[in-house]
PDB file of N, CA and C in Angstrom:
ATOM      1  N   MET A   1      20.002 106.869  80.056  1.00  0.00           N
ATOM      2  CA  MET A   1      19.483 107.919  79.213  1.00  0.00           C
ATOM      3  C   MET A   1      19.747 108.935  80.573  1.00  0.00           C
ATOM      4  N   SER A   2      20.218 110.103  80.647  1.00  0.00           N
ATOM      5  CA  SER A   2      21.593 111.026  81.208  1.00  0.00           C
ATOM      6  C   SER A   2      20.901 112.278  81.006  1.00  0.00           C
ATOM      7  N   PHE A   3      20.899 113.290  82.053  1.00  0.00           N
ATOM      8  CA  PHE A   3      20.246 114.390  81.856  1.00  0.00           C
ATOM      9  C   PHE A   3      20.826 115.627  82.627  1.00  0.00           C
ATOM     10  N   ARG A   4      20.774 116.866  83.037  1.00  0.00           N
ATOM     11  CA  ARG A   4      21.096 117.582  83.543  1.00  0.00           C
ATOM     12  C   ARG A   4      19.947 118.374  83.774  1.00  0.00           C
ATOM     13  N   PHE A   5      20.213 118.743  85.492  1.00  0.00           N
ATOM     14  CA  PHE A   5      19.067 119.707  85.936  1.00  0.00           C
ATOM     15  C   PHE A   5      20.090 121.033  85.634  1.00  0.00           C
ATOM     16  N   HIS A   6      18.875 122.730  86.094  1.00  0.00           N
ATOM     17  CA  HIS A   6      19.423 123.479  85.797  1.00  0.00           C
ATOM     18  C   HIS A   6      20.616 124.185  86.920  1.00  0.00           C
ATOM     19  N   SER A   7      20.677 123.437  87.624  1.00  0.00           N
ATOM     20  CA  SER A   7      21.633 123.617  88.604  1.00  0.00           C
ATOM     21  C   SER A   7      23.105 123.017  88.649  1.00  0.00           C
ATOM     22  N   GLY A   8      22.678 122.344  87.895  1.00  0.00           N
ATOM     23  CA  GLY A   8      24.611 121.440  87.242  1.00  0.00           C
ATOM     24  C   GLY A   8      24.654 120.630  87.219  1.00  0.00           C
ATOM     25  N   SER A   9      25.387 119.598  87.775  1.00  0.00           N
ATOM     26  CA  SER A   9      25.727 118.485  87.587  1.00  0.00           C
ATOM     27  C   SER A   9      24.595 117.331  87.515  1.00  0.00           C
ATOM     28  N   SER A  10      24.291 116.159  87.005  1.00  0.00           N
ATOM     29  CA  SER A  10      22.956 115.553  86.931  1.00  0.00           C
ATOM     30  C   SER A  10      23.738 114.320  88.675  1.00  0.00           C
ATOM     31  N   LEU A  11      24.463 113.820  88.604  1.00  0.00           N
ATOM     32  CA  LEU A  11      24.775 113.713  89.188  1.00  0.00           C
ATOM     33  C   LEU A  11      24.486 114.253  91.292  1.00  0.00           C
ATOM     34  N   THR A  12      25.050 115.103  91.141  1.00  0.00           N
ATOM     35  CA  THR A  12      24.402 116.255  92.661  1.00  0.00           C
ATOM     36  C   THR A  12      23.249 116.496  92.211  1.00  0.00           C
ATOM     37  N   ALA A  13      22.966 117.069  91.713  1.00  0.00           N
ATOM     38  CA  ALA A  13      21.141 116.933  92.117  1.00  0.00           C
ATOM     39  C   ALA A  13      20.887 115.927  92.242  1.00  0.00           C
ATOM     40  N   ALA A  14      21.188 114.582  91.749  1.00  0.00           N
ATOM     41  CA  ALA A  14      20.433 113.523  92.069  1.00  0.00           C
ATOM     42  C   ALA A  14      20.549 112.806  93.829  1.00  0.00           C
ATOM     43  N   VAL A  15      21.668 112.775  93.718  1.00  0.00           N
ATOM     44  CA  VAL A  15      22.337 112.835  95.261  1.00  0.00           C
ATOM     45  C   VAL A  15      21.630 113.804  95.978  1.00  0.00           C
ATOM     46  N   SER A  16      21.295 115.807  95.885  1.00  0.00           N
ATOM     47  CA  SER A  16      21.149 116.230  96.633  1.00  0.00           C
ATOM     48  C   SER A  16      19.344 115.771  96.578  1.00  0.00           C
ATOM     49  N   LEU A  17      18.347 115.294  95.550  1.00  0.00           N
ATOM     50  CA  LEU A  17      17.241 114.854  96.132  1.00  0.00           C
ATOM     51  C   LEU A  17      17.282 113.602  96.521  1.00  0.00           C
ATOM     52  N   LEU A  18      17.921 112.654  96.554  1.00  0.00           N
ATOM     53  CA  LEU A  18      17.742 111.819  97.620  1.00  0.00           C
ATOM     54  C   LEU A  18      17.734 111.980  99.286  1.00  0.00           C
ATOM     55  N   LEU A  19      19.040 112.889  98.833  1.00  0.00           N
ATOM     56  CA  LEU A  19      18.968 113.418 100.687  1.00  0.00           C
ATOM     57  C   LEU A  19      17.930 114.059 101.396  1.00  0.00           C
ATOM     58  N   LEU A  20      17.280 114.870 100.476  1.00  0.00           N
ATOM     59  CA  LEU A  20      16.220 115.604 100.641  1.00  0.00           C
ATOM     60  C   LEU A  20      15.024 114.734 101.288  1.00  0.00           C
ATOM     61  N   VAL A  21      14.851 113.775 100.349  1.00  0.00           N
ATOM     62  CA  VAL A  21      13.943 112.766 100.807  1.00  0.00           C
ATOM     63  C   VAL A  21      14.188 111.928 101.791  1.00  0.00           C
ATOM     64  N   TYR A  22      15.257 111.868 102.236  1.00  0.00           N
ATOM     65  CA  TYR A  22      15.870 110.939 103.082  1.00  0.00           C
ATOM     66  C   TYR A  22      15.673 112.318 104.670  1.00  0.00           C
ATOM     67  N   LYS A  23      15.777 113.267 104.656  1.00  0.00           N
ATOM     68  CA  LYS A  23      15.416 114.368 105.550  1.00  0.00           C
ATOM     69  C   LYS A  23      13.961 114.096 105.877  1.00  0.00           C
ATOM     70  N   ALA A  24      13.106 114.461 104.733  1.00  0.00           N
ATOM     71  CA  ALA A  24      11.701 114.287 104.522  1.00  0.00           C
ATOM     72  C   ALA A  24      11.092 113.377 105.251  1.00  0.00           C
ATOM     73  N   SER A  25      11.562 112.141 104.993  1.00  0.00           N
ATOM     74  CA  SER A  25      10.823 111.442 105.264  1.00  0.00           C
ATOM     75  C   SER A  25      11.056 111.134 106.729  1.00  0.00           C
ATOM     76  N   ALA A  26      12.499 111.178 107.235  1.00  0.00           N
ATOM     77  CA  ALA A  26      12.405 110.652 108.786  1.00  0.00           C
ATOM     78  C   ALA A  26      11.768 111.701 109.247  1.00  0.00           C
ATOM     79  N   SER A  27      11.848 112.795 109.504  1.00  0.00           N
ATOM     80  CA  SER A  27      10.941 114.255 109.529  1.00  0.00           C
ATOM     81  C   SER A  27       9.263 114.109 110.027  1.00  0.00           C
ATOM     82  N   GLY A  28       9.148 112.999 108.887  1.00  0.00           N
ATOM     83  CA  GLY A  28       7.495 112.869 109.125  1.00  0.00           C
ATOM     84  C   GLY A  28       7.152 113.062 108.109  1.00  0.00           C
ATOM     85  N   CYS A  29       7.555 113.679 106.814  1.00  0.00           N
ATOM     86  CA  CYS A  29       7.052 114.222 106.371  1.00  0.00           C
ATOM     87  C   CYS A  29       6.169 113.664 105.071  1.00  0.00           C
ATOM     88  N   ASP A  30       4.845 113.520 104.298  1.00  0.00           N
ATOM     89  CA  ASP A  30       3.595 113.921 104.723  1.00  0.00           C
ATOM     90  C   ASP A  30       3.881 113.384 102.865  1.00  0.00           C
ATOM     91  N   PHE A  31       4.107 113.047 102.101  1.00  0.00           N
ATOM     92  CA  PHE A  31       4.270 113.879 100.219  1.00  0.00           C
ATOM     93  C   PHE A  31       3.402 113.075  99.579  1.00  0.00           C
ATOM     94  N   PHE A  32       2.437 112.568 100.078  1.00  0.00           N
ATOM     95  CA  PHE A  32       1.158 112.490  99.374  1.00  0.00           C
ATOM     96  C   PHE A  32      -0.013 113.272 100.194  1.00  0.00           C
ATOM     97  N   THR A  33       0.152 114.262 100.738  1.00  0.00           N
ATOM     98  CA  THR A  33      -1.015 114.704 101.378  1.00  0.00           C
ATOM     99  C   THR A  33      -0.451 116.265 101.278  1.00  0.00           C
ATOM    100  N   GLY A  34      -0.987 117.049 100.828  1.00  0.00           N
ATOM    101  CA  GLY A  34      -0.475 118.740 100.638  1.00  0.00           C
ATOM    102  C   GLY A  34      -1.310 118.971  99.750  1.00  0.00           C
ATOM    103  N   SER A  35      -0.618 120.271  99.423  1.00  0.00           N
ATOM    104  CA  SER A  35      -1.622 121.269  98.138  1.00  0.00           C
ATOM    105  C   SER A  35      -0.826 122.270  97.374  1.00  0.00           C
ATOM    106  N   TRP A  36      -1.333 122.790  96.124  1.00  0.00           N
ATOM    107  CA  TRP A  36      -0.120 123.221  95.460  1.00  0.00           C
ATOM    108  C   TRP A  36      -0.413 124.589  95.840  1.00  0.00           C
ATOM    109  N   VAL A  37       1.132 125.227  95.559  1.00  0.00           N
ATOM    110  CA  VAL A  37       1.094 126.566  96.590  1.00  0.00           C
ATOM    111  C   VAL A  37       2.187 127.174  94.970  1.00  0.00           C
ATOM    112  N   VAL A  38       2.225 129.006  94.985  1.00  0.00           N
ATOM    113  CA  VAL A  38       2.715 129.764  93.888  1.00  0.00           C
ATOM    114  C   VAL A  38       3.865 129.669  94.507  1.00  0.00           C
ATOM    115  N   ASP A  39       4.966 129.366  93.512  1.00  0.00           N
ATOM    116  CA  ASP A  39       6.529 129.430  94.003  1.00  0.00           C
ATOM    117  C   ASP A  39       6.761 130.409  92.843  1.00  0.00           C
ATOM    118  N   GLY A  40       7.445 132.135  93.444  1.00  0.00           N
ATOM    119  CA  GLY A  40       7.968 132.702  92.487  1.00  0.00           C
ATOM    120  C   GLY A  40       9.321 132.093  91.523  1.00  0.00           C
ATOM    121  N   SER A  41       9.919 131.602  91.862  1.00  0.00           N
ATOM    122  CA  SER A  41      10.956 130.983  91.393  1.00  0.00           C
ATOM    123  C   SER A  41      10.717 130.308  89.806  1.00  0.00           C
ATOM    124  N   TYR A  42       9.116 130.112  90.466  1.00  0.00           N
ATOM    125  CA  TYR A  42       8.897 128.704  88.764  1.00  0.00           C
ATOM    126  C   TYR A  42       8.403 129.377  87.559  1.00  0.00           C
ATOM    127  N   PRO A  43       8.504 129.188  86.412  1.00  0.00           N
ATOM    128  CA  PRO A  43       9.194 127.914  86.442  1.00  0.00           C
ATOM    129  C   PRO A  43      10.292 127.868  86.141  1.00  0.00           C
ATOM    130  N   LEU A  44      11.136 126.805  86.053  1.00  0.00           N
ATOM    131  CA  LEU A  44      12.550 126.293  86.512  1.00  0.00           C
ATOM    132  C   LEU A  44      13.054 126.047  84.750  1.00  0.00           C
ATOM    133  N   TYR A  45      12.401 125.994  84.109  1.00  0.00           N
ATOM    134  CA  TYR A  45      12.518 125.548  82.365  1.00  0.00           C
ATOM    135  C   TYR A  45      11.735 125.820  81.461  1.00  0.00           C
ATOM    136  N   ASN A  46      11.802 126.282  80.167  1.00  0.00           N
ATOM    137  CA  ASN A  46      10.619 126.630  79.007  1.00  0.00           C
ATOM    138  C   ASN A  46      10.037 125.189  79.111  1.00  0.00           C
ATOM    139  N   ALA A  47       8.913 124.861  79.437  1.00  0.00           N
ATOM    140  CA  ALA A  47       8.361 123.045  79.091  1.00  0.00           C
ATOM    141  C   ALA A  47       8.436 123.496  77.355  1.00  0.00           C
ATOM    142  N   SER A  48       7.987 124.771  76.347  1.00  0.00           N
ATOM    143  CA  SER A  48       7.599 124.285  75.491  1.00  0.00           C
ATOM    144  C   SER A  48       8.928 124.248  74.343  1.00  0.00           C
ATOM    145  N   ALA A  49      10.525 124.450  74.949  1.00  0.00           N
ATOM    146  CA  ALA A  49      11.431 124.097  74.678  1.00  0.00           C
ATOM    147  C   ALA A  49      12.244 122.694  74.663  1.00  0.00           C
ATOM    148  N   CYS A  50      11.322 121.954  75.572  1.00  0.00           N
ATOM    149  CA  CYS A  50      12.219 120.855  76.789  1.00  0.00           C
ATOM    150  C   CYS A  50      11.736 119.378  75.411  1.00  0.00           C
ATOM    151  N   PRO A  51      12.988 119.230  74.899  1.00  0.00           N
ATOM    152  CA  PRO A  51      12.433 117.974  74.113  1.00  0.00           C
ATOM    153  C   PRO A  51      12.706 117.151  74.665  1.00  0.00           C
ATOM    154  N   PHE A  52      12.190 116.398  75.921  1.00  0.00           N
ATOM    155  CA  PHE A  52      11.886 115.472  76.472  1.00  0.00           C
ATOM    156  C   PHE A  52      10.178 115.299  76.597  1.00  0.00           C
ATOM    157  N   ILE A  53       9.748 116.475  76.762  1.00  0.00           N
ATOM    158  CA  ILE A  53       8.064 116.295  76.772  1.00  0.00           C
ATOM    159  C   ILE A  53       7.483 115.949  75.661  1.00  0.00           C
ATOM    160  N   GLU A  54       6.973 114.866  75.596  1.00  0.00           N
ATOM    161  CA  GLU A  54       5.814 114.312  74.485  1.00  0.00           C
ATOM    162  C   GLU A  54       5.210 115.007  73.999  1.00  0.00           C
ATOM    163  N   ARG A  55       4.481 115.282  72.918  1.00  0.00           N
ATOM    164  CA  ARG A  55       3.933 116.221  71.930  1.00  0.00           C
ATOM    165  C   ARG A  55       2.426 116.690  72.483  1.00  0.00           C
ATOM    166  N   GLU A  56       1.781 115.032  73.042  1.00  0.00           N
ATOM    167  CA  GLU A  56       0.895 115.328  73.705  1.00  0.00           C
ATOM    168  C   GLU A  56       0.512 115.858  75.319  1.00  0.00           C
ATOM    169  N   PHE A  57       1.615 115.957  76.047  1.00  0.00           N
ATOM    170  CA  PHE A  57       1.867 116.699  77.210  1.00  0.00           C
ATOM    171  C   PHE A  57       2.420 118.152  77.228  1.00  0.00           C
ATOM    172  N   SER A  58       2.706 118.788  75.934  1.00  0.00           N
ATOM    173  CA  SER A  58       3.115 119.779  75.691  1.00  0.00           C
ATOM    174  C   SER A  58       2.412 121.284  75.853  1.00  0.00           C
ATOM    175  N   CYS A  59       1.722 121.534  76.575  1.00  0.00           N
ATOM    176  CA  CYS A  59       0.182 122.855  76.851  1.00  0.00           C
ATOM    177  C   CYS A  59       0.542 123.755  75.918  1.00  0.00           C
ATOM    178  N   GLN A  60       1.850 124.041  76.200  1.00  0.00           N
ATOM    179  CA  GLN A  60       2.241 124.858  75.622  1.00  0.00           C
ATOM    180  C   GLN A  60       1.942 125.338  73.890  1.00  0.00           C
ATOM    181  N   ASN A  61       2.725 124.169  73.871  1.00  0.00           N
ATOM    182  CA  ASN A  61       2.368 123.574  71.987  1.00  0.00           C
ATOM    183  C   ASN A  61       1.713 122.906  71.479  1.00  0.00           C
ATOM    184  N   ASN A  62       1.037 123.102  72.865  1.00  0.00           N
ATOM    185  CA  ASN A  62      -1.135 122.370  71.999  1.00  0.00           C
ATOM    186  C   ASN A  62      -1.678 123.537  71.941  1.00  0.00           C
ATOM    187  N   GLY A  63      -1.476 125.068  72.325  1.00  0.00           N
ATOM    188  CA  GLY A  63      -2.135 125.581  71.942  1.00  0.00           C
ATOM    189  C   GLY A  63      -3.142 126.683  73.529  1.00  0.00           C
ATOM    190  N   ARG A  64      -2.485 125.872  74.800  1.00  0.00           N
ATOM    191  CA  ARG A  64      -2.772 126.442  75.707  1.00  0.00           C
ATOM    192  C   ARG A  64      -1.927 127.988  76.009  1.00  0.00           C
ATOM    193  N   PRO A  65      -3.404 128.875  75.703  1.00  0.00           N
ATOM    194  CA  PRO A  65      -2.644 130.498  76.312  1.00  0.00           C
ATOM    195  C   PRO A  65      -2.252 130.860  77.177  1.00  0.00           C
ATOM    196  N   ASP A  66      -2.403 130.344  78.772  1.00  0.00           N
ATOM    197  CA  ASP A  66      -1.603 131.115  79.694  1.00  0.00           C
ATOM    198  C   ASP A  66      -0.876 130.045  80.342  1.00  0.00           C
ATOM    199  N   SER A  67       0.281 130.625  81.007  1.00  0.00           N
ATOM    200  CA  SER A  67       1.053 129.727  81.465  1.00  0.00           C
ATOM    201  C   SER A  67       1.474 130.061  83.290  1.00  0.00           C
ATOM    202  N   LEU A  68       0.068 130.339  83.421  1.00  0.00           N
ATOM    203  CA  LEU A  68       0.110 130.429  85.188  1.00  0.00           C
ATOM    204  C   LEU A  68       0.118 129.258  85.766  1.00  0.00           C
ATOM    205  N   TYR A  69      -0.597 128.195  84.972  1.00  0.00           N
ATOM    206  CA  TYR A  69      -0.069 126.930  86.180  1.00  0.00           C
ATOM    207  C   TYR A  69       1.501 126.409  85.918  1.00  0.00           C
ATOM    208  N   THR A  70       2.341 126.776  85.128  1.00  0.00           N
ATOM    209  CA  THR A  70       3.853 126.547  85.209  1.00  0.00           C
ATOM    210  C   THR A  70       3.834 127.221  86.548  1.00  0.00           C
ATOM    211  N   THR A  71       3.336 128.524  86.989  1.00  0.00           N
ATOM    212  CA  THR A  71       4.586 129.111  88.570  1.00  0.00           C
ATOM    213  C   THR A  71       4.221 127.891  89.866  1.00  0.00           C
ATOM    214  N   PHE A  72       3.401 126.938  89.690  1.00  0.00           N
ATOM    215  CA  PHE A  72       3.114 126.014  91.112  1.00  0.00           C
ATOM    216  C   PHE A  72       3.961 125.128  90.714  1.00  0.00           C
ATOM    217  N   ARG A  73       4.232 124.551  92.191  1.00  0.00           N
ATOM    218  CA  ARG A  73       4.549 123.688  93.179  1.00  0.00           C
ATOM    219  C   ARG A  73       3.928 122.772  93.834  1.00  0.00           C
ATOM    220  N   TRP A  74       4.130 121.601  94.270  1.00  0.00           N
ATOM    221  CA  TRP A  74       3.537 120.230  95.326  1.00  0.00           C
ATOM    222  C   TRP A  74       4.479 121.398  97.097  1.00  0.00           C
ATOM    223  N   LYS A  75       3.486 121.033  97.868  1.00  0.00           N
ATOM    224  CA  LYS A  75       4.145 121.887  98.948  1.00  0.00           C
ATOM    225  C   LYS A  75       3.268 120.036  99.953  1.00  0.00           C
ATOM    226  N   PRO A  76       3.923 118.889 100.301  1.00  0.00           N
ATOM    227  CA  PRO A  76       3.542 118.005 101.082  1.00  0.00           C
ATOM    228  C   PRO A  76       3.076 118.337 102.359  1.00  0.00           C
ATOM    229  N   LEU A  77       2.572 118.074 103.046  1.00  0.00           N
ATOM    230  CA  LEU A  77       2.152 118.538 104.620  1.00  0.00           C
ATOM    231  C   LEU A  77       3.330 118.046 104.956  1.00  0.00           C
ATOM    232  N   HIS A  78       3.214 118.872 106.529  1.00  0.00           N
ATOM    233  CA  HIS A  78       4.198 119.006 107.578  1.00  0.00           C
ATOM    234  C   HIS A  78       6.034 118.676 107.427  1.00  0.00           C
ATOM    235  N   CYS A  79       6.175 119.148 105.725  1.00  0.00           N
ATOM    236  CA  CYS A  79       7.619 119.265 105.538  1.00  0.00           C
ATOM    237  C   CYS A  79       7.723 120.772 104.678  1.00  0.00           C
ATOM    238  N   ASN A  80       8.951 121.142 104.570  1.00  0.00           N
ATOM    239  CA  ASN A  80       9.696 121.794 103.317  1.00  0.00           C
ATOM    240  C   ASN A  80      10.748 121.631 102.538  1.00  0.00           C
ATOM    241  N   LEU A  81      10.519 121.018 101.430  1.00  0.00           N
ATOM    242  CA  LEU A  81      11.449 120.519 100.583  1.00  0.00           C
ATOM    243  C   LEU A  81      12.459 121.791  99.720  1.00  0.00           C
ATOM    244  N   GLN A  82      12.635 122.619 100.027  1.00  0.00           N
ATOM    245  CA  GLN A  82      13.344 123.837  99.927  1.00  0.00           C
ATOM    246  C   GLN A  82      14.613 123.717 100.907  1.00  0.00           C
TER     247      GLN A  82
END
C-alpha cells in the first residue's frame, strides 16, 4: 500500500520522518512521555473525507458535533518534533 502526505512524495515524507525520529532519539527525546498541545496548523487533512479511516473510527461521520479535538498534536517530553 502506498499513500501520499500533504507535503508531496511519500518517499520524501518517509525519509524526513525517519531522520526526525533518529535526531530526536539521539538527543534524549522521550516519545512516550509528554502532553497534548493545541497546534494552529492542525488539522492537516479532512478526516471525514479520508478513505483510509474505517467507519467505526470516523468521529465526524458518526455524528461528533465538534472538531476541536482535531487541533491537538502530541508533544513528547524534552524534544521538538517540528
